[in-house]
């Protein structure tokens, strides 16, 4: 695991970089953290992605200024669907495209807040998008998905934030002819693929890690990415 300085229009920011073992090039994946930010959880996710044969790059959207100020700004950018947070994510995409280890195909995956960014940027030069419980769904989603890349989305059936989200997203992508794989895990809640602090406490609120759902969701994501980020695609 390497921490790099990523150049972006709003100034440099930190990013986690994980490169697979062996000889590339490999497709790249930009990983977007949830509202909590990244720590050991995002490191574990980056390692999982790299072990599946992808160059993983995770920009720290909170790495400029104080944490409270960063969180406020990033959520404002999420709501308005413009601003430095989106530029930072696109800078991560461009960083991967400029690496000799990257094959030239780049996907995006995100969790909670990051899943919303993955949907918002699905028409911004990515080969495939994998939002994990990107709820509530972004505003103006019908317009946002114009020209979107293929989408593989995963939701928790016990996620109160995501009630009806999977069905709505499925209707939209089917109407637009976007290749997709959308699945709801009935027994899983919000953040089921993130190993967050205080698991017993947050599980009461409908959050919490679910190993079976996580394993199945990543199997689907890697199969989908393998189809849409391959040299043939």
C-alpha atoms as a PDB file:
ATOM      1  CA  UNK A   1       0.000   0.000   0.000  1.00  0.00           C
ATOM      2  CA  UNK A   2       1.376   3.385  -1.020  1.00  0.00           C
ATOM      3  CA  UNK A   3       0.145   6.876  -0.214  1.00  0.00           C
ATOM      4  CA  UNK A   4       0.707   9.251  -3.120  1.00  0.00           C
ATOM      5  CA  UNK A   5       0.114  12.953  -3.719  1.00  0.00           C
ATOM      6  CA  UNK A   6      -2.521  13.343  -6.394  1.00  0.00           C
ATOM      7  CA  UNK A   7      -2.524  16.577  -8.415  1.00  0.00           C
ATOM      8  CA  UNK A   8      -5.990  18.051  -8.918  1.00  0.00           C
ATOM      9  CA  UNK A   9      -7.410  21.439  -9.989  1.00  0.00           C
ATOM     10  CA  UNK A  10      -8.145  22.332  -6.355  1.00  0.00           C
ATOM     11  CA  UNK A  11      -4.623  21.456  -5.237  1.00  0.00           C
ATOM     12  CA  UNK A  12      -2.843  18.230  -4.303  1.00  0.00           C
ATOM     13  CA  UNK A  13      -4.506  15.613  -2.130  1.00  0.00           C
ATOM     14  CA  UNK A  14      -3.550  12.260  -0.650  1.00  0.00           C
ATOM     15  CA  UNK A  15      -4.594   9.002  -2.285  1.00  0.00           C
ATOM     16  CA  UNK A  16      -4.069   5.322  -1.533  1.00  0.00           C
ATOM     17  CA  UNK A  17      -2.519   3.339  -4.376  1.00  0.00           C
ATOM     18  CA  UNK A  18      -2.463  -0.454  -4.543  1.00  0.00           C
ATOM     19  CA  UNK A  19      -0.939  -2.232  -7.561  1.00  0.00           C
ATOM     20  CA  UNK A  20      -1.429  -5.971  -8.193  1.00  0.00           C
ATOM     21  CA  UNK A  21       1.510  -8.353  -7.935  1.00  0.00           C
ATOM     22  CA  UNK A  22       2.961  -9.550 -11.202  1.00  0.00           C
ATOM     23  CA  UNK A  23       3.202  -7.958 -14.611  1.00  0.00           C
ATOM     24  CA  UNK A  24       0.503  -5.646 -15.984  1.00  0.00           C
ATOM     25  CA  UNK A  25      -0.965  -3.685 -17.401  1.00  0.00           C
ATOM     26  CA  UNK A  26      -4.243  -4.051 -15.508  1.00  0.00           C
ATOM     27  CA  UNK A  27      -7.519  -2.114 -15.584  1.00  0.00           C
ATOM     28  CA  UNK A  28      -7.796   0.616 -12.963  1.00  0.00           C
ATOM     29  CA  UNK A  29     -10.490   1.311 -10.390  1.00  0.00           C
ATOM     30  CA  UNK A  30     -11.066   4.602  -8.582  1.00  0.00           C
ATOM     31  CA  UNK A  31     -12.412   3.834  -5.103  1.00  0.00           C
ATOM     32  CA  UNK A  32     -14.466   6.484  -3.296  1.00  0.00           C
ATOM     33  CA  UNK A  33     -14.717   6.262   0.477  1.00  0.00           C
ATOM     34  CA  UNK A  34     -17.891   6.705   2.520  1.00  0.00           C
ATOM     35  CA  UNK A  35     -18.786   9.684   4.704  1.00  0.00           C
ATOM     36  CA  UNK A  36     -16.460   8.529   7.487  1.00  0.00           C
ATOM     37  CA  UNK A  37     -13.377   8.788   5.281  1.00  0.00           C
ATOM     38  CA  UNK A  38     -10.671   6.235   4.755  1.00  0.00           C
ATOM     39  CA  UNK A  39      -8.588   4.254   7.165  1.00  0.00           C
ATOM     40  CA  UNK A  40      -7.955   0.554   7.582  1.00  0.00           C
ATOM     41  CA  UNK A  41     -11.312  -0.233   5.977  1.00  0.00           C
ATOM     42  CA  UNK A  42     -10.402   1.450   2.680  1.00  0.00           C
ATOM     43  CA  UNK A  43      -6.965  -0.141   2.826  1.00  0.00           C
ATOM     44  CA  UNK A  44      -8.583  -3.577   3.060  1.00  0.00           C
ATOM     45  CA  UNK A  45     -10.911  -2.744   0.155  1.00  0.00           C
ATOM     46  CA  UNK A  46      -7.977  -1.509  -1.951  1.00  0.00           C
ATOM     47  CA  UNK A  47      -6.111  -4.740  -1.267  1.00  0.00           C
ATOM     48  CA  UNK A  48      -9.162  -6.791  -2.260  1.00  0.00           C
ATOM     49  CA  UNK A  49      -9.476  -4.893  -5.542  1.00  0.00           C
ATOM     50  CA  UNK A  50      -5.774  -5.185  -6.322  1.00  0.00           C
ATOM     51  CA  UNK A  51      -5.748  -8.905  -5.540  1.00  0.00           C
ATOM     52  CA  UNK A  52      -8.493  -9.311  -8.150  1.00  0.00           C
ATOM     53  CA  UNK A  53      -6.200  -7.781 -10.787  1.00  0.00           C
ATOM     54  CA  UNK A  54      -6.987  -4.055 -10.761  1.00  0.00           C
ATOM     55  CA  UNK A  55      -4.867  -1.000  -9.987  1.00  0.00           C
ATOM     56  CA  UNK A  56      -6.771   0.594  -7.102  1.00  0.00           C
ATOM     57  CA  UNK A  57      -6.587   4.331  -6.401  1.00  0.00           C
ATOM     58  CA  UNK A  58      -8.580   5.884  -3.567  1.00  0.00           C
ATOM     59  CA  UNK A  59      -8.458   9.690  -3.243  1.00  0.00           C
ATOM     60  CA  UNK A  60      -8.896  11.115   0.246  1.00  0.00           C
ATOM     61  CA  UNK A  61     -11.606  13.703  -0.339  1.00  0.00           C
ATOM     62  CA  UNK A  62     -11.041  15.022   3.202  1.00  0.00           C
ATOM     63  CA  UNK A  63      -7.311  15.637   2.897  1.00  0.00           C
ATOM     64  CA  UNK A  64      -7.397  19.430   2.471  1.00  0.00           C
ATOM     65  CA  UNK A  65      -7.936  21.627   5.521  1.00  0.00           C
ATOM     66  CA  UNK A  66      -9.824  20.697   8.681  1.00  0.00           C
ATOM     67  CA  UNK A  67     -11.972  17.586   8.677  1.00  0.00           C
ATOM     68  CA  UNK A  68     -15.233  19.368   9.515  1.00  0.00           C
ATOM     69  CA  UNK A  69     -14.705  21.899   6.727  1.00  0.00           C
ATOM     70  CA  UNK A  70     -13.827  19.147   4.265  1.00  0.00           C
ATOM     71  CA  UNK A  71     -16.906  17.089   5.095  1.00  0.00           C
ATOM     72  CA  UNK A  72     -19.151  20.133   4.661  1.00  0.00           C
ATOM     73  CA  UNK A  73     -17.604  21.009   1.317  1.00  0.00           C
ATOM     74  CA  UNK A  74     -17.697  17.455  -0.040  1.00  0.00           C
ATOM     75  CA  UNK A  75     -21.364  17.031   0.850  1.00  0.00           C
ATOM     76  CA  UNK A  76     -22.148  20.370  -0.766  1.00  0.00           C
ATOM     77  CA  UNK A  77     -20.403  19.185  -3.934  1.00  0.00           C
ATOM     78  CA  UNK A  78     -22.373  15.938  -3.740  1.00  0.00           C
ATOM     79  CA  UNK A  79     -25.643  17.816  -3.472  1.00  0.00           C
ATOM     80  CA  UNK A  80     -24.894  20.292  -6.272  1.00  0.00           C
ATOM     81  CA  UNK A  81     -23.066  17.662  -8.391  1.00  0.00           C
ATOM     82  CA  UNK A  82     -20.186  20.003  -9.114  1.00  0.00           C
ATOM     83  CA  UNK A  83     -17.091  21.280  -7.357  1.00  0.00           C
ATOM     84  CA  UNK A  84     -13.697  20.147  -6.126  1.00  0.00           C
ATOM     85  CA  UNK A  85     -14.784  16.710  -4.915  1.00  0.00           C
ATOM     86  CA  UNK A  86     -15.848  15.719  -8.421  1.00  0.00           C
ATOM     87  CA  UNK A  87     -12.656  17.228  -9.839  1.00  0.00           C
ATOM     88  CA  UNK A  88     -10.614  15.202  -7.343  1.00  0.00           C
ATOM     89  CA  UNK A  89     -12.270  11.972  -8.442  1.00  0.00           C
ATOM     90  CA  UNK A  90     -11.686  12.771 -12.106  1.00  0.00           C
ATOM     91  CA  UNK A  91      -8.059  13.600 -11.297  1.00  0.00           C
ATOM     92  CA  UNK A  92      -7.756  10.096  -9.826  1.00  0.00           C
ATOM     93  CA  UNK A  93      -9.172   8.686 -13.049  1.00  0.00           C
ATOM     94  CA  UNK A  94      -6.618  10.670 -15.076  1.00  0.00           C
ATOM     95  CA  UNK A  95      -3.800   9.552 -12.773  1.00  0.00           C
ATOM     96  CA  UNK A  96      -4.646   5.919 -13.495  1.00  0.00           C
ATOM     97  CA  UNK A  97      -4.908   6.562 -17.228  1.00  0.00           C
ATOM     98  CA  UNK A  98      -1.399   8.040 -17.171  1.00  0.00           C
ATOM     99  CA  UNK A  99       0.174   5.054 -15.397  1.00  0.00           C
ATOM    100  CA  UNK A 100       2.050   2.420 -17.369  1.00  0.00           C
ATOM    101  CA  UNK A 101       0.574  -0.198 -15.015  1.00  0.00           C
ATOM    102  CA  UNK A 102      -2.959   0.703 -16.176  1.00  0.00           C
ATOM    103  CA  UNK A 103      -4.393  -0.830 -19.334  1.00  0.00           C
ATOM    104  CA  UNK A 104      -6.352   2.301 -20.225  1.00  0.00           C
ATOM    105  CA  UNK A 105      -9.692   1.048 -18.890  1.00  0.00           C
ATOM    106  CA  UNK A 106     -10.864   2.568 -15.592  1.00  0.00           C
ATOM    107  CA  UNK A 107     -13.905   1.802 -13.464  1.00  0.00           C
ATOM    108  CA  UNK A 108     -15.266   3.524 -10.379  1.00  0.00           C
ATOM    109  CA  UNK A 109     -16.612   2.054  -7.154  1.00  0.00           C
ATOM    110  CA  UNK A 110     -17.928   3.874  -4.110  1.00  0.00           C
ATOM    111  CA  UNK A 111     -19.590   3.299  -0.772  1.00  0.00           C
ATOM    112  CA  UNK A 112     -22.567   5.238   0.616  1.00  0.00           C
ATOM    113  CA  UNK A 113     -21.549   8.819  -0.199  1.00  0.00           C
ATOM    114  CA  UNK A 114     -18.950   7.382  -2.554  1.00  0.00           C
ATOM    115  CA  UNK A 115     -21.640   5.289  -4.228  1.00  0.00           C
ATOM    116  CA  UNK A 116     -23.574   8.448  -4.957  1.00  0.00           C
ATOM    117  CA  UNK A 117     -20.471   9.976  -6.536  1.00  0.00           C
ATOM    118  CA  UNK A 118     -20.044   6.803  -8.611  1.00  0.00           C
ATOM    119  CA  UNK A 119     -23.544   7.274 -10.023  1.00  0.00           C
ATOM    120  CA  UNK A 120     -23.097  11.012 -10.614  1.00  0.00           C
ATOM    121  CA  UNK A 121     -19.849  10.401 -12.528  1.00  0.00           C
ATOM    122  CA  UNK A 122     -20.993   7.306 -14.411  1.00  0.00           C
ATOM    123  CA  UNK A 123     -21.108   9.324 -17.631  1.00  0.00           C
ATOM    124  CA  UNK A 124     -17.663  10.903 -17.108  1.00  0.00           C
ATOM    125  CA  UNK A 125     -15.231   8.619 -18.864  1.00  0.00           C
ATOM    126  CA  UNK A 126     -15.411   5.466 -16.768  1.00  0.00           C
ATOM    127  CA  UNK A 127     -15.841   2.017 -18.272  1.00  0.00           C
ATOM    128  CA  UNK A 128     -18.092   0.716 -15.479  1.00  0.00           C
ATOM    129  CA  UNK A 129     -19.469   1.949 -12.155  1.00  0.00           C
ATOM    130  CA  UNK A 130     -20.078  -0.013  -8.955  1.00  0.00           C
ATOM    131  CA  UNK A 131     -22.098   1.930  -6.379  1.00  0.00           C
ATOM    132  CA  UNK A 132     -22.465   0.170  -3.039  1.00  0.00           C
ATOM    133  CA  UNK A 133     -25.632   1.462  -1.295  1.00  0.00           C
ATOM    134  CA  UNK A 134     -25.277   4.874  -2.963  1.00  0.00           C
ATOM    135  CA  UNK A 135     -28.331   6.196  -1.190  1.00  0.00           C
ATOM    136  CA  UNK A 136     -30.265   8.313  -1.101  1.00  0.00           C
ATOM    137  CA  UNK A 137     -30.016   8.259  -4.881  1.00  0.00           C
ATOM    138  CA  UNK A 138     -28.621  11.503  -6.331  1.00  0.00           C
ATOM    139  CA  UNK A 139     -31.026  14.204  -7.402  1.00  0.00           C
ATOM    140  CA  UNK A 140     -31.915  14.540 -11.102  1.00  0.00           C
ATOM    141  CA  UNK A 141     -30.775  10.956 -11.604  1.00  0.00           C
ATOM    142  CA  UNK A 142     -32.615  10.538 -14.904  1.00  0.00           C
ATOM    143  CA  UNK A 143     -30.554  13.367 -16.437  1.00  0.00           C
ATOM    144  CA  UNK A 144     -27.383  12.285 -14.632  1.00  0.00           C
ATOM    145  CA  UNK A 145     -27.510   8.837 -16.217  1.00  0.00           C
ATOM    146  CA  UNK A 146     -27.607  10.137 -19.778  1.00  0.00           C
ATOM    147  CA  UNK A 147     -24.692   8.430 -21.499  1.00  0.00           C
ATOM    148  CA  UNK A 148     -23.777   6.473 -18.375  1.00  0.00           C
ATOM    149  CA  UNK A 149     -21.395   3.537 -18.413  1.00  0.00           C
ATOM    150  CA  UNK A 150     -22.541   0.040 -17.372  1.00  0.00           C
ATOM    151  CA  UNK A 151     -23.587  -0.079 -13.697  1.00  0.00           C
ATOM    152  CA  UNK A 152     -23.324  -2.886 -11.133  1.00  0.00           C
ATOM    153  CA  UNK A 153     -25.118  -1.766  -7.967  1.00  0.00           C
ATOM    154  CA  UNK A 154     -25.577  -3.391  -4.568  1.00  0.00           C
ATOM    155  CA  UNK A 155     -28.121  -2.483  -1.883  1.00  0.00           C
ATOM    156  CA  UNK A 156     -29.070  -3.731   1.567  1.00  0.00           C
ATOM    157  CA  UNK A 157     -32.671  -4.803   2.022  1.00  0.00           C
ATOM    158  CA  UNK A 158     -32.648  -3.539   5.634  1.00  0.00           C
ATOM    159  CA  UNK A 159     -31.195  -0.173   4.666  1.00  0.00           C
ATOM    160  CA  UNK A 160     -33.815   2.419   5.626  1.00  0.00           C
ATOM    161  CA  UNK A 161     -31.972   5.034   3.573  1.00  0.00           C
ATOM    162  CA  UNK A 162     -32.371   2.933   0.443  1.00  0.00           C
ATOM    163  CA  UNK A 163     -36.047   1.994   0.438  1.00  0.00           C
ATOM    164  CA  UNK A 164     -37.118   1.648  -3.218  1.00  0.00           C
ATOM    165  CA  UNK A 165     -33.738   2.801  -4.539  1.00  0.00           C
ATOM    166  CA  UNK A 166     -32.855  -0.437  -6.335  1.00  0.00           C
ATOM    167  CA  UNK A 167     -36.198  -0.580  -8.151  1.00  0.00           C
ATOM    168  CA  UNK A 168     -35.955   3.051  -9.206  1.00  0.00           C
ATOM    169  CA  UNK A 169     -32.393   2.675 -10.452  1.00  0.00           C
ATOM    170  CA  UNK A 170     -33.320  -0.497 -12.330  1.00  0.00           C
ATOM    171  CA  UNK A 171     -36.214   1.242 -14.093  1.00  0.00           C
ATOM    172  CA  UNK A 172     -33.994   4.140 -15.147  1.00  0.00           C
ATOM    173  CA  UNK A 173     -31.144   2.051 -16.530  1.00  0.00           C
ATOM    174  CA  UNK A 174     -33.543  -0.265 -18.341  1.00  0.00           C
ATOM    175  CA  UNK A 175     -35.312   2.713 -19.910  1.00  0.00           C
ATOM    176  CA  UNK A 176     -31.952   4.059 -21.085  1.00  0.00           C
ATOM    177  CA  UNK A 177     -30.600   0.707 -22.276  1.00  0.00           C
ATOM    178  CA  UNK A 178     -27.657   0.801 -19.865  1.00  0.00           C
ATOM    179  CA  UNK A 179     -26.026  -2.567 -19.149  1.00  0.00           C
ATOM    180  CA  UNK A 180     -26.566  -3.342 -15.487  1.00  0.00           C
ATOM    181  CA  UNK A 181     -26.524  -5.791 -12.608  1.00  0.00           C
ATOM    182  CA  UNK A 182     -28.555  -4.543  -9.641  1.00  0.00           C
ATOM    183  CA  UNK A 183     -29.055  -6.680  -6.566  1.00  0.00           C
ATOM    184  CA  UNK A 184     -30.643  -6.249  -3.133  1.00  0.00           C
ATOM    185  CA  UNK A 185     -29.370  -8.326  -0.206  1.00  0.00           C
ATOM    186  CA  UNK A 186     -32.488  -8.847   1.944  1.00  0.00           C
ATOM    187  CA  UNK A 187     -30.698  -9.488   5.238  1.00  0.00           C
ATOM    188  CA  UNK A 188     -28.068  -6.762   4.849  1.00  0.00           C
ATOM    189  CA  UNK A 189     -28.267  -3.167   6.034  1.00  0.00           C
ATOM    190  CA  UNK A 190     -26.442   0.009   5.129  1.00  0.00           C
ATOM    191  CA  UNK A 191     -22.629  -0.151   4.942  1.00  0.00           C
ATOM    192  CA  UNK A 192     -22.732  -3.938   4.697  1.00  0.00           C
ATOM    193  CA  UNK A 193     -19.409  -3.976   2.793  1.00  0.00           C
ATOM    194  CA  UNK A 194     -17.572  -1.620   5.174  1.00  0.00           C
ATOM    195  CA  UNK A 195     -15.958  -2.753   8.409  1.00  0.00           C
ATOM    196  CA  UNK A 196     -16.610   0.380  10.441  1.00  0.00           C
ATOM    197  CA  UNK A 197     -15.799   1.082  14.094  1.00  0.00           C
ATOM    198  CA  UNK A 198     -18.337   0.172  16.814  1.00  0.00           C
ATOM    199  CA  UNK A 199     -20.006  -2.586  14.772  1.00  0.00           C
ATOM    200  CA  UNK A 200     -22.337  -3.860  17.565  1.00  0.00           C
ATOM    201  CA  UNK A 201     -23.663  -0.349  18.164  1.00  0.00           C
ATOM    202  CA  UNK A 202     -24.215   0.675  14.556  1.00  0.00           C
ATOM    203  CA  UNK A 203     -25.862  -2.679  13.759  1.00  0.00           C
ATOM    204  CA  UNK A 204     -28.774  -1.592  15.974  1.00  0.00           C
ATOM    205  CA  UNK A 205     -29.343   1.333  13.614  1.00  0.00           C
ATOM    206  CA  UNK A 206     -29.486  -0.946  10.552  1.00  0.00           C
ATOM    207  CA  UNK A 207     -25.825  -0.592   9.638  1.00  0.00           C
ATOM    208  CA  UNK A 208     -23.064  -3.166   9.833  1.00  0.00           C
ATOM    209  CA  UNK A 209     -20.750  -5.493   7.983  1.00  0.00           C
ATOM    210  CA  UNK A 210     -22.215  -8.595   6.342  1.00  0.00           C
ATOM    211  CA  UNK A 211     -19.558 -11.043   5.182  1.00  0.00           C
ATOM    212  CA  UNK A 212     -21.797 -13.136   2.904  1.00  0.00           C
ATOM    213  CA  UNK A 213     -23.357 -10.127   1.178  1.00  0.00           C
ATOM    214  CA  UNK A 214     -19.948  -8.492   0.796  1.00  0.00           C
ATOM    215  CA  UNK A 215     -18.389 -11.572  -0.783  1.00  0.00           C
ATOM    216  CA  UNK A 216     -21.249 -12.001  -3.239  1.00  0.00           C
ATOM    217  CA  UNK A 217     -21.324  -8.307  -4.138  1.00  0.00           C
ATOM    218  CA  UNK A 218     -17.604  -8.236  -4.911  1.00  0.00           C
ATOM    219  CA  UNK A 219     -17.888 -11.431  -6.953  1.00  0.00           C
ATOM    220  CA  UNK A 220     -20.548  -9.693  -9.042  1.00  0.00           C
ATOM    221  CA  UNK A 221     -18.503  -6.499  -9.327  1.00  0.00           C
ATOM    222  CA  UNK A 222     -15.369  -8.292 -10.476  1.00  0.00           C
ATOM    223  CA  UNK A 223     -17.307 -10.383 -12.992  1.00  0.00           C
ATOM    224  CA  UNK A 224     -18.982  -7.219 -14.310  1.00  0.00           C
ATOM    225  CA  UNK A 225     -15.705  -5.277 -14.422  1.00  0.00           C
ATOM    226  CA  UNK A 226     -14.061  -8.229 -16.120  1.00  0.00           C
ATOM    227  CA  UNK A 227     -16.651  -7.961 -18.872  1.00  0.00           C
ATOM    228  CA  UNK A 228     -16.678  -4.175 -19.284  1.00  0.00           C
ATOM    229  CA  UNK A 229     -13.085  -3.206 -18.480  1.00  0.00           C
ATOM    230  CA  UNK A 230     -11.380  -5.915 -20.512  1.00  0.00           C
ATOM    231  CA  UNK A 231      -9.277  -5.227 -23.589  1.00  0.00           C
ATOM    232  CA  UNK A 232     -12.087  -6.635 -25.711  1.00  0.00           C
ATOM    233  CA  UNK A 233     -14.602  -4.202 -24.192  1.00  0.00           C
END
